Amino acid sequence: MNPTAAAGPLLEALLTEAQQWSCDDVEDQEQLAAIDRADTPHDKLALLRNSSLVPSHLASAIADALVTLDPATYSPTPATPTAPGGSVAGPELHRIRDASITVVDASPEDNTSTDVYEIQVFGVSVLIRRRAQWGPATDIPYVHIEDQNEGPGLLLVEVNNTGEHDHPRPWPPARTSGGMNPTTPTTPSA
């Protein structure tokens, strides 16, 4: 069984424990109902972790195991309720196939009038936001692209259908003690 497939039964075991530890009182039954109504496995886990239905050390240990086994499903996302009626503050992380998208709330202190979105895929990071002020203009789109791959290479970028522009990935810094300087061509000696 692969690690991702093992995560589902582990969550089910935690849910079963919560049902067995619960009492017939209204609070426990409301917590169980909220867990049952949760949209995603991560939502269920977050509610279980913050409930009084199972010992906290047990819920924490299983939650850590689930995040390790299947981070795409169980990694924390702040938009997800962590307790009935509550939510977490901070960046949201969403995973879609090979990509991850991080969303951070707007920050007027950083001249950001909108949420900030960072998409990471194929070793490239694209950050998109709106700037509150840029010179005399306001509410200006801002896009930052960073090729996080190492070694020499090329990044092709096209903006507003104006054609591709190539951006060579810089060479690593030259070594000062006997290393080659990539700006100085060398030919092999015979």
N, C-alpha and C. Protein backbone atom coordinates (compact mmCIF):
# COMPACT_ATOMS: atom_id res chain seq x y z
N MET A 1 0.85 -1.17 0.00
CA MET A 1 0.00 0.00 0.00
C MET A 1 0.90 1.24 0.00
N ASN A 2 0.61 2.19 -0.91
CA ASN A 2 1.44 3.39 -0.94
C ASN A 2 1.06 4.31 0.22
N PRO A 3 1.96 5.23 0.60
CA PRO A 3 1.71 6.08 1.76
C PRO A 3 0.43 6.91 1.63
N THR A 4 0.14 7.42 0.44
CA THR A 4 -1.06 8.24 0.26
C THR A 4 -2.32 7.41 0.51
N ALA A 5 -2.32 6.17 0.02
CA ALA A 5 -3.48 5.29 0.23
C ALA A 5 -3.65 4.92 1.69
N ALA A 6 -2.58 4.91 2.45
CA ALA A 6 -2.66 4.56 3.88
C ALA A 6 -3.29 5.68 4.70
N ALA A 7 -3.30 6.88 4.18
CA ALA A 7 -3.81 8.02 4.94
C ALA A 7 -5.31 7.91 5.21
N GLY A 8 -6.08 7.50 4.22
CA GLY A 8 -7.54 7.39 4.39
C GLY A 8 -7.95 6.51 5.55
N PRO A 9 -7.45 5.26 5.62
CA PRO A 9 -7.80 4.40 6.75
C PRO A 9 -7.33 4.96 8.10
N LEU A 10 -6.21 5.68 8.10
CA LEU A 10 -5.74 6.28 9.34
C LEU A 10 -6.70 7.37 9.83
N LEU A 11 -7.22 8.17 8.91
CA LEU A 11 -8.21 9.18 9.29
C LEU A 11 -9.49 8.50 9.77
N GLU A 12 -9.89 7.44 9.10
CA GLU A 12 -11.10 6.70 9.53
C GLU A 12 -10.92 6.14 10.94
N ALA A 13 -9.73 5.66 11.25
CA ALA A 13 -9.47 5.14 12.60
C ALA A 13 -9.61 6.25 13.64
N LEU A 14 -9.12 7.45 13.31
CA LEU A 14 -9.24 8.58 14.23
C LEU A 14 -10.71 8.98 14.40
N LEU A 15 -11.47 8.95 13.31
CA LEU A 15 -12.91 9.25 13.39
C LEU A 15 -13.63 8.23 14.28
N THR A 16 -13.27 6.97 14.13
CA THR A 16 -13.88 5.91 14.95
C THR A 16 -13.54 6.13 16.43
N GLU A 17 -12.29 6.48 16.71
CA GLU A 17 -11.90 6.77 18.10
C GLU A 17 -12.72 7.93 18.65
N ALA A 18 -12.92 8.97 17.85
CA ALA A 18 -13.69 10.13 18.31
C ALA A 18 -15.11 9.73 18.65
N GLN A 19 -15.70 8.86 17.82
CA GLN A 19 -17.07 8.41 18.10
C GLN A 19 -17.13 7.58 19.38
N GLN A 20 -16.10 6.76 19.60
CA GLN A 20 -16.09 5.92 20.80
C GLN A 20 -15.85 6.74 22.07
N TRP A 21 -15.03 7.79 21.98
CA TRP A 21 -14.72 8.62 23.15
C TRP A 21 -15.84 9.61 23.44
N SER A 22 -16.70 9.89 22.47
CA SER A 22 -17.72 10.93 22.66
C SER A 22 -18.78 10.49 23.66
N CYS A 23 -19.40 11.48 24.25
CA CYS A 23 -20.50 11.24 25.18
C CYS A 23 -21.80 11.59 24.47
N ASP A 24 -22.89 11.37 25.14
CA ASP A 24 -24.19 11.71 24.57
C ASP A 24 -24.55 13.18 24.77
N ASP A 25 -23.64 13.97 25.40
CA ASP A 25 -24.00 15.36 25.65
C ASP A 25 -24.03 16.17 24.35
N VAL A 26 -24.69 17.29 24.41
CA VAL A 26 -24.94 18.12 23.23
C VAL A 26 -23.64 18.58 22.57
N GLU A 27 -22.66 18.99 23.37
CA GLU A 27 -21.41 19.52 22.81
C GLU A 27 -20.68 18.47 21.97
N ASP A 28 -20.53 17.26 22.52
CA ASP A 28 -19.86 16.19 21.77
C ASP A 28 -20.62 15.85 20.49
N GLN A 29 -21.93 15.80 20.58
CA GLN A 29 -22.72 15.46 19.39
C GLN A 29 -22.63 16.56 18.32
N GLU A 30 -22.56 17.83 18.75
CA GLU A 30 -22.39 18.94 17.80
C GLU A 30 -21.03 18.86 17.12
N GLN A 31 -19.99 18.51 17.89
CA GLN A 31 -18.66 18.37 17.30
C GLN A 31 -18.63 17.23 16.28
N LEU A 32 -19.24 16.09 16.63
CA LEU A 32 -19.30 14.97 15.69
C LEU A 32 -20.06 15.35 14.42
N ALA A 33 -21.17 16.08 14.58
CA ALA A 33 -21.96 16.51 13.41
C ALA A 33 -21.16 17.46 12.54
N ALA A 34 -20.41 18.38 13.14
CA ALA A 34 -19.59 19.32 12.37
C ALA A 34 -18.51 18.57 11.60
N ILE A 35 -17.90 17.58 12.22
CA ILE A 35 -16.87 16.76 11.56
C ILE A 35 -17.48 16.00 10.39
N ASP A 36 -18.66 15.44 10.61
CA ASP A 36 -19.34 14.68 9.56
C ASP A 36 -19.69 15.57 8.37
N ARG A 37 -20.07 16.84 8.62
CA ARG A 37 -20.44 17.77 7.55
C ARG A 37 -19.24 18.40 6.85
N ALA A 38 -18.05 18.28 7.40
CA ALA A 38 -16.86 18.93 6.82
C ALA A 38 -16.67 18.49 5.37
N ASP A 39 -16.26 19.44 4.53
CA ASP A 39 -16.15 19.20 3.08
C ASP A 39 -14.98 18.31 2.67
N THR A 40 -13.84 18.47 3.33
CA THR A 40 -12.63 17.78 2.88
C THR A 40 -12.02 16.98 4.03
N PRO A 41 -11.15 16.02 3.71
CA PRO A 41 -10.45 15.29 4.78
C PRO A 41 -9.65 16.24 5.68
N HIS A 42 -9.05 17.29 5.09
CA HIS A 42 -8.29 18.24 5.91
C HIS A 42 -9.21 18.94 6.90
N ASP A 43 -10.43 19.31 6.44
CA ASP A 43 -11.39 19.96 7.34
C ASP A 43 -11.74 19.03 8.50
N LYS A 44 -11.99 17.76 8.19
CA LYS A 44 -12.32 16.79 9.24
C LYS A 44 -11.17 16.69 10.24
N LEU A 45 -9.94 16.59 9.72
CA LEU A 45 -8.78 16.47 10.59
C LEU A 45 -8.61 17.70 11.46
N ALA A 46 -8.78 18.89 10.87
CA ALA A 46 -8.62 20.13 11.64
C ALA A 46 -9.65 20.19 12.77
N LEU A 47 -10.88 19.81 12.48
CA LEU A 47 -11.92 19.82 13.51
C LEU A 47 -11.63 18.78 14.60
N LEU A 48 -11.18 17.60 14.19
CA LEU A 48 -10.84 16.56 15.17
C LEU A 48 -9.69 17.00 16.07
N ARG A 49 -8.70 17.62 15.46
CA ARG A 49 -7.51 18.03 16.20
C ARG A 49 -7.85 19.07 17.27
N ASN A 50 -8.84 19.90 16.98
CA ASN A 50 -9.21 20.96 17.91
C ASN A 50 -10.44 20.63 18.74
N SER A 51 -10.86 19.40 18.70
CA SER A 51 -12.03 19.01 19.48
C SER A 51 -11.58 18.41 20.82
N SER A 52 -12.56 18.14 21.65
CA SER A 52 -12.28 17.46 22.92
C SER A 52 -12.69 15.99 22.84
N LEU A 53 -12.87 15.50 21.61
CA LEU A 53 -13.38 14.13 21.43
C LEU A 53 -12.31 13.06 21.63
N VAL A 54 -11.07 13.38 21.34
CA VAL A 54 -9.97 12.42 21.53
C VAL A 54 -8.84 13.13 22.26
N PRO A 55 -8.01 12.39 22.96
CA PRO A 55 -6.87 13.03 23.64
C PRO A 55 -6.01 13.81 22.63
N SER A 56 -5.59 14.98 23.03
CA SER A 56 -4.87 15.87 22.10
C SER A 56 -3.58 15.24 21.59
N HIS A 57 -2.88 14.47 22.43
CA HIS A 57 -1.63 13.86 21.96
C HIS A 57 -1.90 12.83 20.86
N LEU A 58 -3.02 12.12 20.95
CA LEU A 58 -3.39 11.15 19.93
C LEU A 58 -3.76 11.86 18.63
N ALA A 59 -4.59 12.89 18.73
CA ALA A 59 -5.00 13.64 17.53
C ALA A 59 -3.79 14.30 16.87
N SER A 60 -2.88 14.86 17.65
CA SER A 60 -1.69 15.50 17.08
C SER A 60 -0.78 14.49 16.39
N ALA A 61 -0.57 13.34 17.02
CA ALA A 61 0.30 12.32 16.42
C ALA A 61 -0.28 11.83 15.10
N ILE A 62 -1.59 11.58 15.06
CA ILE A 62 -2.21 11.10 13.82
C ILE A 62 -2.23 12.20 12.77
N ALA A 63 -2.49 13.44 13.18
CA ALA A 63 -2.48 14.56 12.24
C ALA A 63 -1.11 14.71 11.60
N ASP A 64 -0.05 14.62 12.40
CA ASP A 64 1.31 14.71 11.87
C ASP A 64 1.58 13.57 10.88
N ALA A 65 1.13 12.38 11.21
CA ALA A 65 1.33 11.23 10.31
C ALA A 65 0.58 11.44 9.00
N LEU A 66 -0.65 11.96 9.07
CA LEU A 66 -1.43 12.19 7.85
C LEU A 66 -0.78 13.23 6.95
N VAL A 67 -0.26 14.30 7.54
CA VAL A 67 0.42 15.34 6.74
C VAL A 67 1.67 14.75 6.08
N THR A 68 2.36 13.87 6.79
CA THR A 68 3.56 13.23 6.22
C THR A 68 3.17 12.27 5.09
N LEU A 69 2.13 11.48 5.29
CA LEU A 69 1.72 10.49 4.29
C LEU A 69 1.12 11.14 3.04
N ASP A 70 0.32 12.19 3.22
CA ASP A 70 -0.40 12.79 2.10
C ASP A 70 -0.49 14.30 2.29
N PRO A 71 0.62 15.01 2.05
CA PRO A 71 0.62 16.46 2.31
C PRO A 71 -0.35 17.24 1.41
N ALA A 72 -0.61 16.76 0.20
CA ALA A 72 -1.52 17.48 -0.69
C ALA A 72 -2.94 17.51 -0.12
N THR A 73 -3.33 16.48 0.61
CA THR A 73 -4.68 16.41 1.16
C THR A 73 -4.76 17.00 2.56
N TYR A 74 -3.73 16.80 3.38
CA TYR A 74 -3.84 17.13 4.80
C TYR A 74 -3.02 18.32 5.27
N SER A 75 -2.25 18.97 4.38
CA SER A 75 -1.48 20.15 4.80
C SER A 75 -2.44 21.25 5.20
N PRO A 76 -2.03 22.06 6.17
CA PRO A 76 -2.93 23.12 6.64
C PRO A 76 -3.24 24.14 5.55
N THR A 77 -4.50 24.52 5.47
CA THR A 77 -4.92 25.64 4.62
C THR A 77 -5.77 26.56 5.50
N PRO A 78 -5.38 27.82 5.63
CA PRO A 78 -6.04 28.70 6.57
C PRO A 78 -7.51 28.96 6.30
N ALA A 79 -7.99 28.76 5.08
CA ALA A 79 -9.39 29.03 4.81
C ALA A 79 -10.28 27.96 5.42
N THR A 80 -9.67 26.91 5.93
CA THR A 80 -10.40 25.79 6.48
C THR A 80 -10.71 26.02 7.95
N PRO A 81 -11.94 25.83 8.38
CA PRO A 81 -12.24 25.99 9.79
C PRO A 81 -11.45 25.01 10.65
N THR A 82 -10.97 25.48 11.79
CA THR A 82 -10.23 24.60 12.68
C THR A 82 -11.05 24.24 13.90
N ALA A 83 -12.13 24.92 14.12
CA ALA A 83 -13.04 24.59 15.20
C ALA A 83 -14.41 25.09 14.76
N PRO A 84 -15.47 24.52 15.27
CA PRO A 84 -16.77 25.00 14.85
C PRO A 84 -16.87 26.52 15.03
N GLY A 85 -17.12 27.22 13.92
CA GLY A 85 -17.25 28.67 13.94
C GLY A 85 -15.95 29.43 13.91
N GLY A 86 -14.79 28.76 13.83
CA GLY A 86 -13.51 29.46 13.85
C GLY A 86 -12.74 29.30 12.56
N SER A 87 -11.68 30.08 12.41
CA SER A 87 -10.83 29.93 11.24
C SER A 87 -9.41 30.28 11.64
N VAL A 88 -8.46 29.91 10.79
CA VAL A 88 -7.05 30.14 11.03
C VAL A 88 -6.61 31.35 10.22
N ALA A 89 -5.72 32.17 10.74
CA ALA A 89 -5.17 33.30 9.99
C ALA A 89 -3.83 32.89 9.41
N GLY A 90 -3.48 33.45 8.27
CA GLY A 90 -2.19 33.18 7.66
C GLY A 90 -2.35 32.78 6.22
N PRO A 91 -1.24 32.40 5.58
CA PRO A 91 -1.31 32.04 4.17
C PRO A 91 -2.10 30.76 3.94
N GLU A 92 -2.77 30.68 2.80
CA GLU A 92 -3.47 29.47 2.38
C GLU A 92 -2.59 28.75 1.38
N LEU A 93 -2.54 27.45 1.44
CA LEU A 93 -1.78 26.65 0.49
C LEU A 93 -2.75 25.72 -0.21
N HIS A 94 -2.74 25.76 -1.55
CA HIS A 94 -3.57 24.88 -2.36
C HIS A 94 -2.65 24.10 -3.29
N ARG A 95 -2.93 22.83 -3.46
CA ARG A 95 -2.13 22.00 -4.38
C ARG A 95 -3.03 21.52 -5.51
N ILE A 96 -2.55 21.72 -6.73
CA ILE A 96 -3.27 21.27 -7.92
C ILE A 96 -2.26 20.58 -8.82
N ARG A 97 -2.41 19.30 -8.98
CA ARG A 97 -1.45 18.47 -9.74
C ARG A 97 -0.04 18.76 -9.28
N ASP A 98 0.85 19.24 -10.19
CA ASP A 98 2.24 19.50 -9.81
C ASP A 98 2.45 20.90 -9.24
N ALA A 99 1.41 21.71 -9.21
CA ALA A 99 1.54 23.11 -8.80
C ALA A 99 1.09 23.32 -7.36
N SER A 100 1.67 24.34 -6.75
CA SER A 100 1.16 24.80 -5.46
C SER A 100 0.86 26.29 -5.60
N ILE A 101 -0.25 26.71 -4.99
CA ILE A 101 -0.65 28.10 -5.02
C ILE A 101 -0.77 28.56 -3.57
N THR A 102 -0.04 29.61 -3.25
CA THR A 102 -0.10 30.18 -1.92
C THR A 102 -0.80 31.53 -2.01
N VAL A 103 -1.75 31.76 -1.12
CA VAL A 103 -2.48 33.02 -1.10
C VAL A 103 -2.24 33.69 0.25
N VAL A 104 -1.81 34.96 0.20
CA VAL A 104 -1.54 35.72 1.41
C VAL A 104 -2.45 36.94 1.40
N ASP A 105 -3.00 37.27 2.55
CA ASP A 105 -3.90 38.42 2.65
C ASP A 105 -3.22 39.72 2.25
N ALA A 106 -4.03 40.66 1.76
CA ALA A 106 -3.53 41.99 1.40
C ALA A 106 -2.87 42.65 2.61
N SER A 107 -1.87 43.48 2.34
CA SER A 107 -1.16 44.16 3.42
C SER A 107 -0.91 45.60 3.01
N PRO A 108 -1.74 46.53 3.50
CA PRO A 108 -1.54 47.94 3.15
C PRO A 108 -0.15 48.45 3.53
N GLU A 109 0.45 47.89 4.58
CA GLU A 109 1.80 48.32 4.98
C GLU A 109 2.82 48.03 3.89
N ASP A 110 2.56 46.99 3.07
CA ASP A 110 3.48 46.62 1.98
C ASP A 110 3.02 47.14 0.64
N ASN A 111 2.11 48.13 0.62
CA ASN A 111 1.62 48.72 -0.62
C ASN A 111 0.86 47.70 -1.47
N THR A 112 0.26 46.71 -0.83
CA THR A 112 -0.48 45.67 -1.53
C THR A 112 -1.97 45.86 -1.27
N SER A 113 -2.70 46.20 -2.34
CA SER A 113 -4.13 46.47 -2.17
C SER A 113 -4.98 45.21 -2.33
N THR A 114 -4.37 44.10 -2.73
CA THR A 114 -5.11 42.86 -2.92
C THR A 114 -4.35 41.71 -2.26
N ASP A 115 -5.01 40.57 -2.21
CA ASP A 115 -4.30 39.37 -1.78
C ASP A 115 -3.14 39.12 -2.74
N VAL A 116 -2.13 38.40 -2.27
CA VAL A 116 -0.96 38.06 -3.08
C VAL A 116 -1.04 36.58 -3.40
N TYR A 117 -0.86 36.23 -4.68
CA TYR A 117 -0.92 34.85 -5.13
C TYR A 117 0.46 34.46 -5.65
N GLU A 118 0.97 33.34 -5.16
CA GLU A 118 2.23 32.81 -5.68
C GLU A 118 1.98 31.41 -6.20
N ILE A 119 2.30 31.21 -7.47
CA ILE A 119 2.14 29.90 -8.10
C ILE A 119 3.53 29.33 -8.30
N GLN A 120 3.75 28.10 -7.87
CA GLN A 120 5.04 27.43 -8.06
C GLN A 120 4.81 26.13 -8.80
N VAL A 121 5.48 26.01 -9.95
CA VAL A 121 5.40 24.78 -10.73
C VAL A 121 6.60 24.72 -11.67
N PHE A 122 7.11 23.54 -11.91
CA PHE A 122 8.23 23.30 -12.82
C PHE A 122 9.47 24.12 -12.44
N GLY A 123 9.66 24.42 -11.16
CA GLY A 123 10.82 25.18 -10.73
C GLY A 123 10.71 26.67 -11.01
N VAL A 124 9.51 27.14 -11.34
CA VAL A 124 9.28 28.56 -11.61
C VAL A 124 8.25 29.07 -10.61
N SER A 125 8.53 30.25 -10.06
CA SER A 125 7.62 30.90 -9.13
C SER A 125 7.07 32.17 -9.79
N VAL A 126 5.74 32.31 -9.78
CA VAL A 126 5.11 33.51 -10.32
C VAL A 126 4.29 34.13 -9.20
N LEU A 127 4.62 35.37 -8.85
CA LEU A 127 3.92 36.09 -7.81
C LEU A 127 3.05 37.15 -8.49
N ILE A 128 1.78 37.21 -8.12
CA ILE A 128 0.85 38.15 -8.75
C ILE A 128 0.10 38.90 -7.65
N ARG A 129 0.06 40.22 -7.79
CA ARG A 129 -0.68 41.05 -6.85
C ARG A 129 -0.99 42.38 -7.52
N ARG A 130 -1.69 43.23 -6.84
CA ARG A 130 -1.91 44.60 -7.29
C ARG A 130 -1.24 45.53 -6.29
N ARG A 131 -0.54 46.52 -6.82
CA ARG A 131 0.08 47.52 -5.95
C ARG A 131 -0.90 48.66 -5.75
N ALA A 132 -1.00 49.12 -4.53
CA ALA A 132 -1.92 50.21 -4.23
C ALA A 132 -1.47 51.49 -4.94
N GLN A 133 -0.18 51.71 -5.04
CA GLN A 133 0.34 52.95 -5.62
C GLN A 133 1.63 52.65 -6.37
N TRP A 134 1.78 53.21 -7.57
CA TRP A 134 3.03 53.12 -8.32
C TRP A 134 3.18 54.44 -9.05
N GLY A 135 3.97 55.34 -8.47
CA GLY A 135 4.05 56.70 -9.01
C GLY A 135 2.68 57.35 -8.88
N PRO A 136 2.22 58.00 -9.94
CA PRO A 136 0.90 58.64 -9.87
C PRO A 136 -0.26 57.65 -10.05
N ALA A 137 0.02 56.44 -10.54
CA ALA A 137 -1.04 55.47 -10.81
C ALA A 137 -1.40 54.69 -9.54
N THR A 138 -2.62 54.17 -9.51
CA THR A 138 -3.07 53.36 -8.37
C THR A 138 -3.61 52.03 -8.88
N ASP A 139 -3.60 51.05 -7.99
CA ASP A 139 -4.16 49.73 -8.28
C ASP A 139 -3.55 49.12 -9.55
N ILE A 140 -2.23 48.98 -9.56
CA ILE A 140 -1.47 48.52 -10.72
C ILE A 140 -1.16 47.03 -10.58
N PRO A 141 -1.40 46.21 -11.64
CA PRO A 141 -1.00 44.80 -11.57
C PRO A 141 0.53 44.68 -11.47
N TYR A 142 0.98 43.75 -10.65
CA TYR A 142 2.40 43.49 -10.47
C TYR A 142 2.62 41.99 -10.60
N VAL A 143 3.57 41.60 -11.44
CA VAL A 143 3.90 40.19 -11.64
C VAL A 143 5.41 40.03 -11.48
N HIS A 144 5.82 39.08 -10.65
CA HIS A 144 7.24 38.78 -10.46
C HIS A 144 7.44 37.31 -10.82
N ILE A 145 8.40 37.04 -11.70
CA ILE A 145 8.69 35.67 -12.12
C ILE A 145 10.12 35.34 -11.72
N GLU A 146 10.27 34.17 -11.10
CA GLU A 146 11.61 33.75 -10.68
C GLU A 146 11.83 32.30 -11.08
N ASP A 147 12.87 32.07 -11.86
CA ASP A 147 13.26 30.71 -12.24
C ASP A 147 14.13 30.17 -11.12
N GLN A 148 13.63 29.18 -10.40
CA GLN A 148 14.34 28.65 -9.24
C GLN A 148 15.21 27.45 -9.57
N ASN A 149 15.27 27.08 -10.86
CA ASN A 149 16.13 25.98 -11.28
C ASN A 149 17.58 26.43 -11.19
N GLU A 150 18.47 25.48 -11.01
CA GLU A 150 19.88 25.81 -10.89
C GLU A 150 20.62 25.56 -12.18
N GLY A 151 21.76 26.21 -12.34
CA GLY A 151 22.60 26.02 -13.51
C GLY A 151 22.15 26.88 -14.67
N PRO A 152 22.91 26.87 -15.73
CA PRO A 152 22.58 27.70 -16.88
C PRO A 152 21.28 27.22 -17.53
N GLY A 153 20.55 28.13 -18.08
CA GLY A 153 19.29 27.78 -18.72
C GLY A 153 18.63 29.01 -19.29
N LEU A 154 17.39 28.85 -19.68
CA LEU A 154 16.67 29.93 -20.33
C LEU A 154 15.23 29.95 -19.85
N LEU A 155 14.71 31.12 -19.60
CA LEU A 155 13.32 31.32 -19.23
C LEU A 155 12.69 32.17 -20.33
N LEU A 156 11.64 31.66 -20.98
CA LEU A 156 10.94 32.41 -22.02
C LEU A 156 9.70 33.03 -21.41
N VAL A 157 9.53 34.34 -21.60
CA VAL A 157 8.40 35.06 -21.03
C VAL A 157 7.74 35.88 -22.12
N GLU A 158 6.41 35.81 -22.15
CA GLU A 158 5.65 36.63 -23.09
C GLU A 158 4.63 37.45 -22.30
N VAL A 159 4.56 38.74 -22.60
CA VAL A 159 3.65 39.64 -21.91
C VAL A 159 2.73 40.29 -22.94
N ASN A 160 1.43 40.19 -22.74
CA ASN A 160 0.43 40.83 -23.60
C ASN A 160 0.62 40.53 -25.09
N ASN A 161 0.92 39.28 -25.41
CA ASN A 161 1.06 38.85 -26.81
C ASN A 161 2.07 39.66 -27.61
N THR A 162 3.14 40.12 -26.97
CA THR A 162 4.15 40.91 -27.66
C THR A 162 5.35 40.07 -28.09
N GLY A 163 5.22 38.77 -28.01
CA GLY A 163 6.31 37.89 -28.40
C GLY A 163 7.12 37.44 -27.19
N GLU A 164 7.80 36.33 -27.39
CA GLU A 164 8.61 35.77 -26.31
C GLU A 164 9.88 36.58 -26.14
N HIS A 165 10.26 36.75 -24.90
CA HIS A 165 11.54 37.38 -24.59
C HIS A 165 12.32 36.39 -23.75
N ASP A 166 13.57 36.14 -24.14
CA ASP A 166 14.35 35.16 -23.40
C ASP A 166 15.12 35.84 -22.28
N HIS A 167 15.15 35.16 -21.16
CA HIS A 167 15.85 35.62 -19.97
C HIS A 167 16.78 34.49 -19.55
N PRO A 168 18.07 34.59 -19.91
CA PRO A 168 19.01 33.53 -19.53
C PRO A 168 19.14 33.45 -18.01
N ARG A 169 19.18 32.22 -17.54
CA ARG A 169 19.41 32.00 -16.11
C ARG A 169 20.89 32.26 -15.87
N PRO A 170 21.21 33.08 -14.88
CA PRO A 170 22.62 33.41 -14.66
C PRO A 170 23.44 32.21 -14.22
N TRP A 171 24.70 32.26 -14.57
CA TRP A 171 25.64 31.25 -14.10
C TRP A 171 25.81 31.40 -12.61
N PRO A 172 26.19 30.34 -11.94
CA PRO A 172 26.51 30.49 -10.51
C PRO A 172 27.68 31.45 -10.36
N PRO A 173 27.81 32.10 -9.23
CA PRO A 173 28.92 33.03 -9.02
C PRO A 173 30.27 32.33 -9.24
N ALA A 174 31.20 33.08 -9.82
CA ALA A 174 32.53 32.52 -10.09
C ALA A 174 33.26 32.25 -8.78
N ARG A 175 34.01 31.16 -8.77
CA ARG A 175 34.82 30.84 -7.60
C ARG A 175 36.09 31.66 -7.65
N THR A 176 36.58 32.04 -6.51
CA THR A 176 37.79 32.86 -6.47
C THR A 176 39.05 32.03 -6.34
N SER A 177 38.93 30.78 -5.96
CA SER A 177 40.14 29.99 -5.76
C SER A 177 40.19 28.84 -6.75
N GLY A 178 40.66 29.13 -7.94
CA GLY A 178 40.90 28.08 -8.91
C GLY A 178 39.69 27.66 -9.71
N GLY A 179 38.52 28.25 -9.48
CA GLY A 179 37.33 27.88 -10.25
C GLY A 179 37.30 28.58 -11.59
N MET A 180 36.45 28.08 -12.48
CA MET A 180 36.31 28.72 -13.78
C MET A 180 35.41 29.92 -13.66
N ASN A 181 35.70 30.95 -14.43
CA ASN A 181 34.84 32.11 -14.51
C ASN A 181 34.01 31.94 -15.77
N PRO A 182 32.68 31.80 -15.66
CA PRO A 182 31.86 31.50 -16.82
C PRO A 182 31.85 32.63 -17.85
N THR A 183 32.28 33.83 -17.48
CA THR A 183 32.29 34.92 -18.45
C THR A 183 33.54 34.87 -19.32
N THR A 184 34.51 34.06 -18.94
CA THR A 184 35.73 33.93 -19.72
C THR A 184 35.71 32.58 -20.41
N PRO A 185 35.52 32.57 -21.75
CA PRO A 185 35.48 31.27 -22.43
C PRO A 185 36.82 30.56 -22.30
N THR A 186 36.76 29.27 -22.15
CA THR A 186 37.99 28.47 -22.05
C THR A 186 37.93 27.38 -23.12
N THR A 187 39.06 26.99 -23.57
CA THR A 187 39.14 25.87 -24.50
C THR A 187 39.98 24.80 -23.84
N PRO A 188 39.60 23.55 -24.07
CA PRO A 188 40.39 22.49 -23.45
C PRO A 188 41.81 22.49 -23.98
N SER A 189 42.75 22.24 -23.10
CA SER A 189 44.15 22.17 -23.53
C SER A 189 44.47 20.77 -24.00
N ALA A 190 45.39 20.70 -24.95
CA ALA A 190 45.74 19.41 -25.55
C ALA A 190 46.74 18.68 -24.72
